[in-house]
Amino acid sequence: EAAKTYCKAFGADITFEIKNGNGTAYEHCE
């Protein structure tokens, strides 16, 4: 949710992501 908020607020794009095993959080997100 934080990454979505940053994307909306700053016009950012997610360029790389690694989610945890159950897909509920980022272990790493750029």
Full PDB file with SEQRES, HELIX, SHEET, SSBOND, CRYST1, ORIGX, SCALE, CONECT and MASTER records, all heavy atoms in Angstrom:
SEQRES   1 A   30  GLU ALA ALA LYS THR TYR CYS LYS ALA PHE GLY ALA ASP          
SEQRES   2 A   30  ILE THR PHE GLU ILE LYS ASN GLY ASN GLY THR ALA TYR          
SEQRES   3 A   30  GLU HIS CYS GLU                                              
HELIX    1 AA1 ALA A    2  PHE A   10  1                                   9    
SHEET    1 AA1 2 GLU A  17  LYS A  19  0                                        
SHEET    2 AA1 2 TYR A  26  CYS A  29 -1                                        
CRYST1    1.000    1.000    1.000  90.00  90.00  90.00 P 1           1          
ORIGX1      1.000000  0.000000  0.000000        0.00000                         
ORIGX2      0.000000  1.000000  0.000000        0.00000                         
ORIGX3      0.000000  0.000000  1.000000        0.00000                         
SCALE1      1.000000  0.000000  0.000000        0.00000                         
SCALE2      0.000000  1.000000  0.000000        0.00000                         
SCALE3      0.000000  0.000000  1.000000        0.00000                         
ATOM      1  N   GLU A   1       0.837  -1.208   0.000  1.00  0.00           N  
ATOM      2  CA  GLU A   1       0.000   0.000   0.000  1.00  0.00           C  
ATOM      3  C   GLU A   1       0.869   1.254   0.000  1.00  0.00           C  
ATOM      4  O   GLU A   1       0.557   2.240  -0.685  1.00  0.00           O  
ATOM      5  CB  GLU A   1      -0.946  -0.003   1.202  1.00  0.00           C  
ATOM      6  CG  GLU A   1      -1.959   1.117   1.186  1.00  0.00           C  
ATOM      7  CD  GLU A   1      -2.891   1.091  -0.017  1.00  0.00           C  
ATOM      8  OE1 GLU A   1      -3.267   0.000  -0.462  1.00  0.00           O  
ATOM      9  OE2 GLU A   1      -3.233   2.170  -0.525  1.00  0.00           O  
ATOM     10  N   ALA A   2       1.968   1.244   0.730  1.00  0.00           N  
ATOM     11  CA  ALA A   2       2.870   2.396   0.761  1.00  0.00           C  
ATOM     12  C   ALA A   2       3.437   2.676  -0.624  1.00  0.00           C  
ATOM     13  O   ALA A   2       3.463   3.824  -1.072  1.00  0.00           O  
ATOM     14  CB  ALA A   2       3.997   2.161   1.761  1.00  0.00           C  
ATOM     15  N   ALA A   3       3.872   1.638  -1.323  1.00  0.00           N  
ATOM     16  CA  ALA A   3       4.424   1.825  -2.671  1.00  0.00           C  
ATOM     17  C   ALA A   3       3.368   2.407  -3.608  1.00  0.00           C  
ATOM     18  O   ALA A   3       3.666   3.302  -4.406  1.00  0.00           O  
ATOM     19  CB  ALA A   3       4.954   0.505  -3.217  1.00  0.00           C  
ATOM     20  N   LYS A   4       2.132   1.942  -3.508  1.00  0.00           N  
ATOM     21  CA  LYS A   4       1.043   2.494  -4.331  1.00  0.00           C  
ATOM     22  C   LYS A   4       0.845   3.975  -4.025  1.00  0.00           C  
ATOM     23  O   LYS A   4       0.646   4.783  -4.928  1.00  0.00           O  
ATOM     24  CB  LYS A   4      -0.256   1.739  -4.084  1.00  0.00           C  
ATOM     25  CG  LYS A   4      -0.279   0.337  -4.630  1.00  0.00           C  
ATOM     26  CD  LYS A   4      -1.601  -0.345  -4.301  1.00  0.00           C  
ATOM     27  CE  LYS A   4      -1.597  -1.803  -4.676  1.00  0.00           C  
ATOM     28  NZ  LYS A   4      -2.849  -2.482  -4.290  1.00  0.00           N  
ATOM     29  N   THR A   5       0.907   4.328  -2.752  1.00  0.00           N  
ATOM     30  CA  THR A   5       0.748   5.728  -2.342  1.00  0.00           C  
ATOM     31  C   THR A   5       1.874   6.584  -2.900  1.00  0.00           C  
ATOM     32  O   THR A   5       1.635   7.677  -3.423  1.00  0.00           O  
ATOM     33  CB  THR A   5       0.699   5.836  -0.808  1.00  0.00           C  
ATOM     34  OG1 THR A   5      -0.417   5.079  -0.337  1.00  0.00           O  
ATOM     35  CG2 THR A   5       0.567   7.277  -0.357  1.00  0.00           C  
ATOM     36  N   TYR A   6       3.121   6.109  -2.806  1.00  0.00           N  
ATOM     37  CA  TYR A   6       4.261   6.864  -3.336  1.00  0.00           C  
ATOM     38  C   TYR A   6       4.131   7.037  -4.853  1.00  0.00           C  
ATOM     39  O   TYR A   6       4.431   8.113  -5.381  1.00  0.00           O  
ATOM     40  CB  TYR A   6       5.580   6.169  -3.013  1.00  0.00           C  
ATOM     41  CG  TYR A   6       5.849   5.968  -1.547  1.00  0.00           C  
ATOM     42  CD1 TYR A   6       6.580   4.872  -1.098  1.00  0.00           C  
ATOM     43  CD2 TYR A   6       5.381   6.865  -0.594  1.00  0.00           C  
ATOM     44  CE1 TYR A   6       6.835   4.680   0.247  1.00  0.00           C  
ATOM     45  CE2 TYR A   6       5.624   6.670   0.759  1.00  0.00           C  
ATOM     46  CZ  TYR A   6       6.355   5.579   1.169  1.00  0.00           C  
ATOM     47  OH  TYR A   6       6.602   5.385   2.501  1.00  0.00           O  
ATOM     48  N   CYS A   7       3.693   5.990  -5.532  1.00  0.00           N  
ATOM     49  CA  CYS A   7       3.523   6.081  -6.985  1.00  0.00           C  
ATOM     50  C   CYS A   7       2.496   7.152  -7.342  1.00  0.00           C  
ATOM     51  O   CYS A   7       2.725   7.971  -8.236  1.00  0.00           O  
ATOM     52  CB  CYS A   7       3.107   4.732  -7.560  1.00  0.00           C  
ATOM     53  SG  CYS A   7       4.439   3.516  -7.590  1.00  0.00           S  
ATOM     54  N   LYS A   8       1.394   7.155  -6.630  1.00  0.00           N  
ATOM     55  CA  LYS A   8       0.341   8.134  -6.897  1.00  0.00           C  
ATOM     56  C   LYS A   8       0.792   9.553  -6.536  1.00  0.00           C  
ATOM     57  O   LYS A   8       0.598  10.496  -7.305  1.00  0.00           O  
ATOM     58  CB  LYS A   8      -0.923   7.769  -6.120  1.00  0.00           C  
ATOM     59  CG  LYS A   8      -2.099   8.650  -6.415  1.00  0.00           C  
ATOM     60  CD  LYS A   8      -3.345   8.168  -5.686  1.00  0.00           C  
ATOM     61  CE  LYS A   8      -4.518   9.094  -5.954  1.00  0.00           C  
ATOM     62  NZ  LYS A   8      -5.725   8.664  -5.249  1.00  0.00           N  
ATOM     63  N   ALA A   9       1.427   9.706  -5.391  1.00  0.00           N  
ATOM     64  CA  ALA A   9       1.811  11.032  -4.907  1.00  0.00           C  
ATOM     65  C   ALA A   9       2.936  11.657  -5.729  1.00  0.00           C  
ATOM     66  O   ALA A   9       2.945  12.874  -5.947  1.00  0.00           O  
ATOM     67  CB  ALA A   9       2.241  10.942  -3.443  1.00  0.00           C  
ATOM     68  N   PHE A  10       3.887  10.849  -6.187  1.00  0.00           N  
ATOM     69  CA  PHE A  10       5.071  11.385  -6.842  1.00  0.00           C  
ATOM     70  C   PHE A  10       5.156  11.037  -8.329  1.00  0.00           C  
ATOM     71  O   PHE A  10       6.140  11.377  -8.983  1.00  0.00           O  
ATOM     72  CB  PHE A  10       6.339  10.890  -6.135  1.00  0.00           C  
ATOM     73  CG  PHE A  10       6.398  11.294  -4.699  1.00  0.00           C  
ATOM     74  CD1 PHE A  10       6.222  10.355  -3.689  1.00  0.00           C  
ATOM     75  CD2 PHE A  10       6.610  12.615  -4.336  1.00  0.00           C  
ATOM     76  CE1 PHE A  10       6.270  10.721  -2.354  1.00  0.00           C  
ATOM     77  CE2 PHE A  10       6.662  12.997  -3.000  1.00  0.00           C  
ATOM     78  CZ  PHE A  10       6.490  12.047  -2.007  1.00  0.00           C  
ATOM     79  N   GLY A  11       4.142  10.356  -8.843  1.00  0.00           N  
ATOM     80  CA  GLY A  11       4.178   9.957 -10.246  1.00  0.00           C  
ATOM     81  C   GLY A  11       5.252   8.916 -10.518  1.00  0.00           C  
ATOM     82  O   GLY A  11       5.814   8.850 -11.600  1.00  0.00           O  
ATOM     83  N   ALA A  12       5.531   8.090  -9.522  1.00  0.00           N  
ATOM     84  CA  ALA A  12       6.585   7.077  -9.631  1.00  0.00           C  
ATOM     85  C   ALA A  12       6.051   5.796 -10.270  1.00  0.00           C  
ATOM     86  O   ALA A  12       4.842   5.565 -10.336  1.00  0.00           O  
ATOM     87  CB  ALA A  12       7.143   6.760  -8.241  1.00  0.00           C  
ATOM     88  N   ASP A  13       6.979   4.990 -10.747  1.00  0.00           N  
ATOM     89  CA  ASP A  13       6.681   3.658 -11.272  1.00  0.00           C  
ATOM     90  C   ASP A  13       7.489   2.636 -10.487  1.00  0.00           C  
ATOM     91  O   ASP A  13       8.627   2.911 -10.097  1.00  0.00           O  
ATOM     92  CB  ASP A  13       7.083   3.548 -12.750  1.00  0.00           C  
ATOM     93  CG  ASP A  13       6.284   4.474 -13.633  1.00  0.00           C  
ATOM     94  OD1 ASP A  13       5.047   4.423 -13.569  1.00  0.00           O  
ATOM     95  OD2 ASP A  13       6.911   5.246 -14.384  1.00  0.00           O  
ATOM     96  N   ILE A  14       6.915   1.469 -10.287  1.00  0.00           N  
ATOM     97  CA  ILE A  14       7.652   0.372  -9.661  1.00  0.00           C  
ATOM     98  C   ILE A  14       8.489  -0.266 -10.759  1.00  0.00           C  
ATOM     99  O   ILE A  14       7.952  -0.739 -11.758  1.00  0.00           O  
ATOM    100  CB  ILE A  14       6.703  -0.649  -9.015  1.00  0.00           C  
ATOM    101  CG1 ILE A  14       5.937   0.016  -7.870  1.00  0.00           C  
ATOM    102  CG2 ILE A  14       7.478  -1.872  -8.530  1.00  0.00           C  
ATOM    103  CD1 ILE A  14       4.841  -0.839  -7.265  1.00  0.00           C  
ATOM    104  N   THR A  15       9.815  -0.244 -10.591  1.00  0.00           N  
ATOM    105  CA  THR A  15      10.698  -0.772 -11.625  1.00  0.00           C  
ATOM    106  C   THR A  15      11.281  -2.137 -11.273  1.00  0.00           C  
ATOM    107  O   THR A  15      11.810  -2.824 -12.143  1.00  0.00           O  
ATOM    108  CB  THR A  15      11.853   0.220 -11.893  1.00  0.00           C  
ATOM    109  OG1 THR A  15      12.519   0.514 -10.665  1.00  0.00           O  
ATOM    110  CG2 THR A  15      11.310   1.509 -12.482  1.00  0.00           C  
ATOM    111  N   PHE A  16      11.188  -2.519 -10.004  1.00  0.00           N  
ATOM    112  CA  PHE A  16      11.665  -3.832  -9.573  1.00  0.00           C  
ATOM    113  C   PHE A  16      10.989  -4.165  -8.270  1.00  0.00           C  
ATOM    114  O   PHE A  16      10.854  -3.300  -7.404  1.00  0.00           O  
ATOM    115  CB  PHE A  16      13.187  -3.806  -9.376  1.00  0.00           C  
ATOM    116  CG  PHE A  16      13.767  -5.144  -9.017  1.00  0.00           C  
ATOM    117  CD1 PHE A  16      13.900  -6.133  -9.971  1.00  0.00           C  
ATOM    118  CD2 PHE A  16      14.168  -5.412  -7.729  1.00  0.00           C  
ATOM    119  CE1 PHE A  16      14.433  -7.371  -9.640  1.00  0.00           C  
ATOM    120  CE2 PHE A  16      14.705  -6.638  -7.379  1.00  0.00           C  
ATOM    121  CZ  PHE A  16      14.838  -7.625  -8.343  1.00  0.00           C  
ATOM    122  N   GLU A  17      10.539  -5.410  -8.127  1.00  0.00           N  
ATOM    123  CA  GLU A  17       9.874  -5.805  -6.881  1.00  0.00           C  
ATOM    124  C   GLU A  17      10.122  -7.266  -6.572  1.00  0.00           C  
ATOM    125  O   GLU A  17      10.214  -8.102  -7.473  1.00  0.00           O  
ATOM    126  CB  GLU A  17       8.372  -5.548  -6.956  1.00  0.00           C  
ATOM    127  CG  GLU A  17       7.657  -6.338  -8.027  1.00  0.00           C  
ATOM    128  CD  GLU A  17       6.172  -6.030  -8.121  1.00  0.00           C  
ATOM    129  OE1 GLU A  17       5.764  -4.901  -7.793  1.00  0.00           O  
ATOM    130  OE2 GLU A  17       5.423  -6.932  -8.517  1.00  0.00           O  
ATOM    131  N   ILE A  18      10.265  -7.542  -5.298  1.00  0.00           N  
ATOM    132  CA  ILE A  18      10.321  -8.908  -4.783  1.00  0.00           C  
ATOM    133  C   ILE A  18       9.348  -8.950  -3.616  1.00  0.00           C  
ATOM    134  O   ILE A  18       9.500  -8.197  -2.653  1.00  0.00           O  
ATOM    135  CB  ILE A  18      11.730  -9.292  -4.298  1.00  0.00           C  
ATOM    136  CG1 ILE A  18      12.737  -9.201  -5.443  1.00  0.00           C  
ATOM    137  CG2 ILE A  18      11.714 -10.698  -3.695  1.00  0.00           C  
ATOM    138  CD1 ILE A  18      14.177  -9.383  -5.003  1.00  0.00           C  
ATOM    139  N   LYS A  19       8.339  -9.806  -3.722  1.00  0.00           N  
ATOM    140  CA  LYS A  19       7.360  -9.938  -2.644  1.00  0.00           C  
ATOM    141  C   LYS A  19       7.703 -11.130  -1.764  1.00  0.00           C  
ATOM    142  O   LYS A  19       8.418 -12.046  -2.184  1.00  0.00           O  
ATOM    143  CB  LYS A  19       5.955 -10.103  -3.224  1.00  0.00           C  
ATOM    144  CG  LYS A  19       5.459  -8.851  -3.919  1.00  0.00           C  
ATOM    145  CD  LYS A  19       4.045  -9.019  -4.413  1.00  0.00           C  
ATOM    146  CE  LYS A  19       3.575  -7.740  -5.105  1.00  0.00           C  
ATOM    147  NZ  LYS A  19       2.251  -7.918  -5.697  1.00  0.00           N  
ATOM    148  N   ASN A  20       7.163 -11.106  -0.546  1.00  0.00           N  
ATOM    149  CA  ASN A  20       7.375 -12.228   0.362  1.00  0.00           C  
ATOM    150  C   ASN A  20       6.666 -13.463  -0.178  1.00  0.00           C  
ATOM    151  O   ASN A  20       5.966 -13.399  -1.184  1.00  0.00           O  
ATOM    152  CB  ASN A  20       6.933 -11.887   1.794  1.00  0.00           C  
ATOM    153  CG  ASN A  20       5.444 -11.629   1.909  1.00  0.00           C  
ATOM    154  OD1 ASN A  20       4.691 -11.696   0.946  1.00  0.00           O  
ATOM    155  ND2 ASN A  20       5.003 -11.310   3.109  1.00  0.00           N  
ATOM    156  N   GLY A  21       6.844 -14.586   0.482  1.00  0.00           N  
ATOM    157  CA  GLY A  21       6.322 -15.863   0.010  1.00  0.00           C  
ATOM    158  C   GLY A  21       4.829 -15.908  -0.228  1.00  0.00           C  
ATOM    159  O   GLY A  21       4.359 -16.582  -1.153  1.00  0.00           O  
ATOM    160  N   ASN A  22       4.053 -15.184   0.566  1.00  0.00           N  
ATOM    161  CA  ASN A  22       2.601 -15.212   0.377  1.00  0.00           C  
ATOM    162  C   ASN A  22       2.075 -13.975  -0.355  1.00  0.00           C  
ATOM    163  O   ASN A  22       0.873 -13.779  -0.457  1.00  0.00           O  
ATOM    164  CB  ASN A  22       1.872 -15.438   1.707  1.00  0.00           C  
ATOM    165  CG  ASN A  22       2.190 -14.382   2.743  1.00  0.00           C  
ATOM    166  OD1 ASN A  22       2.836 -13.385   2.439  1.00  0.00           O  
ATOM    167  ND2 ASN A  22       1.758 -14.607   3.968  1.00  0.00           N  
ATOM    168  N   GLY A  23       2.995 -13.138  -0.856  1.00  0.00           N  
ATOM    169  CA  GLY A  23       2.604 -12.002  -1.687  1.00  0.00           C  
ATOM    170  C   GLY A  23       1.921 -10.857  -0.969  1.00  0.00           C  
ATOM    171  O   GLY A  23       1.265 -10.038  -1.604  1.00  0.00           O  
ATOM    172  N   THR A  24       2.096 -10.767   0.343  1.00  0.00           N  
ATOM    173  CA  THR A  24       1.394  -9.737   1.110  1.00  0.00           C  
ATOM    174  C   THR A  24       2.258  -8.530   1.461  1.00  0.00           C  
ATOM    175  O   THR A  24       1.759  -7.553   2.018  1.00  0.00           O  
ATOM    176  CB  THR A  24       0.834 -10.320   2.413  1.00  0.00           C  
ATOM    177  OG1 THR A  24       1.921 -10.848   3.184  1.00  0.00           O  
ATOM    178  CG2 THR A  24      -0.186 -11.413   2.124  1.00  0.00           C  
ATOM    179  N   ALA A  25       3.564  -8.590   1.149  1.00  0.00           N  
ATOM    180  CA  ALA A  25       4.469  -7.477   1.467  1.00  0.00           C  
ATOM    181  C   ALA A  25       5.671  -7.530   0.540  1.00  0.00           C  
ATOM    182  O   ALA A  25       6.009  -8.582  -0.008  1.00  0.00           O  
ATOM    183  CB  ALA A  25       4.937  -7.559   2.913  1.00  0.00           C  
ATOM    184  N   TYR A  26       6.305  -6.388   0.365  1.00  0.00           N  
ATOM    185  CA  TYR A  26       7.535  -6.348  -0.410  1.00  0.00           C  
ATOM    186  C   TYR A  26       8.720  -6.697   0.467  1.00  0.00           C  
ATOM    187  O   TYR A  26       8.846  -6.194   1.578  1.00  0.00           O  
ATOM    188  CB  TYR A  26       7.777  -4.954  -0.995  1.00  0.00           C  
ATOM    189  CG  TYR A  26       6.899  -4.618  -2.162  1.00  0.00           C  
ATOM    190  CD1 TYR A  26       6.054  -3.524  -2.127  1.00  0.00           C  
ATOM    191  CD2 TYR A  26       6.926  -5.383  -3.316  1.00  0.00           C  
ATOM    192  CE1 TYR A  26       5.244  -3.197  -3.203  1.00  0.00           C  
ATOM    193  CE2 TYR A  26       6.118  -5.077  -4.398  1.00  0.00           C  
ATOM    194  CZ  TYR A  26       5.291  -3.982  -4.338  1.00  0.00           C  
ATOM    195  OH  TYR A  26       4.499  -3.674  -5.403  1.00  0.00           O  
ATOM    196  N   GLU A  27       9.583  -7.560  -0.028  1.00  0.00           N  
ATOM    197  CA  GLU A  27      10.884  -7.752   0.591  1.00  0.00           C  
ATOM    198  C   GLU A  27      11.840  -6.705   0.026  1.00  0.00           C  
ATOM    199  O   GLU A  27      12.746  -6.255   0.704  1.00  0.00           O  
ATOM    200  CB  GLU A  27      11.400  -9.159   0.321  1.00  0.00           C  
ATOM    201  CG  GLU A  27      10.606 -10.219   1.059  1.00  0.00           C  
ATOM    202  CD  GLU A  27      11.153 -11.613   0.863  1.00  0.00           C  
ATOM    203  OE1 GLU A  27      12.168 -11.786   0.152  1.00  0.00           O  
ATOM    204  OE2 GLU A  27      10.567 -12.550   1.423  1.00  0.00           O  
ATOM    205  N   HIS A  28      11.599  -6.337  -1.241  1.00  0.00           N  
ATOM    206  CA  HIS A  28      12.388  -5.301  -1.900  1.00  0.00           C  
ATOM    207  C   HIS A  28      11.530  -4.688  -2.997  1.00  0.00           C  
ATOM    208  O   HIS A  28      10.830  -5.396  -3.708  1.00  0.00           O  
ATOM    209  CB  HIS A  28      13.659  -5.889  -2.505  1.00  0.00           C  
ATOM    210  CG  HIS A  28      14.544  -4.866  -3.137  1.00  0.00           C  
ATOM    211  ND1 HIS A  28      15.412  -4.098  -2.407  1.00  0.00           N  
ATOM    212  CD2 HIS A  28      14.681  -4.475  -4.428  1.00  0.00           C  
ATOM    213  CE1 HIS A  28      16.065  -3.289  -3.223  1.00  0.00           C  
ATOM    214  NE2 HIS A  28      15.634  -3.481  -4.462  1.00  0.00           N  
ATOM    215  N   CYS A  29      11.581  -3.371  -3.137  1.00  0.00           N  
ATOM    216  CA  CYS A  29      10.819  -2.676  -4.162  1.00  0.00           C  
ATOM    217  C   CYS A  29      11.585  -1.410  -4.568  1.00  0.00           C  
ATOM    218  O   CYS A  29      12.028  -0.663  -3.698  1.00  0.00           O  
ATOM    219  CB  CYS A  29       9.435  -2.307  -3.622  1.00  0.00           C  
ATOM    220  SG  CYS A  29       8.393  -1.440  -4.803  1.00  0.00           S  
ATOM    221  N   GLU A  30      11.751  -1.213  -5.868  1.00  0.00           N  
ATOM    222  CA  GLU A  30      12.444  -0.027  -6.353  1.00  0.00           C  
ATOM    223  C   GLU A  30      11.463   0.824  -7.155  1.00  0.00           C  
ATOM    224  O   GLU A  30      10.684   0.296  -7.946  1.00  0.00           O  
ATOM    225  CB  GLU A  30      13.623  -0.412  -7.246  1.00  0.00           C  
ATOM    226  CG  GLU A  30      14.701  -1.167  -6.473  1.00  0.00           C  
ATOM    227  CD  GLU A  30      15.857  -1.599  -7.343  1.00  0.00           C  
ATOM    228  OE1 GLU A  30      15.913  -1.231  -8.544  1.00  0.00           O  
ATOM    229  OE2 GLU A  30      16.720  -2.317  -6.823  1.00  0.00           O  
TER     230      GLU A  30                                                      
MASTER        0    0    0    1    2    0    0    6  229    1    0    3          
END                                                                             
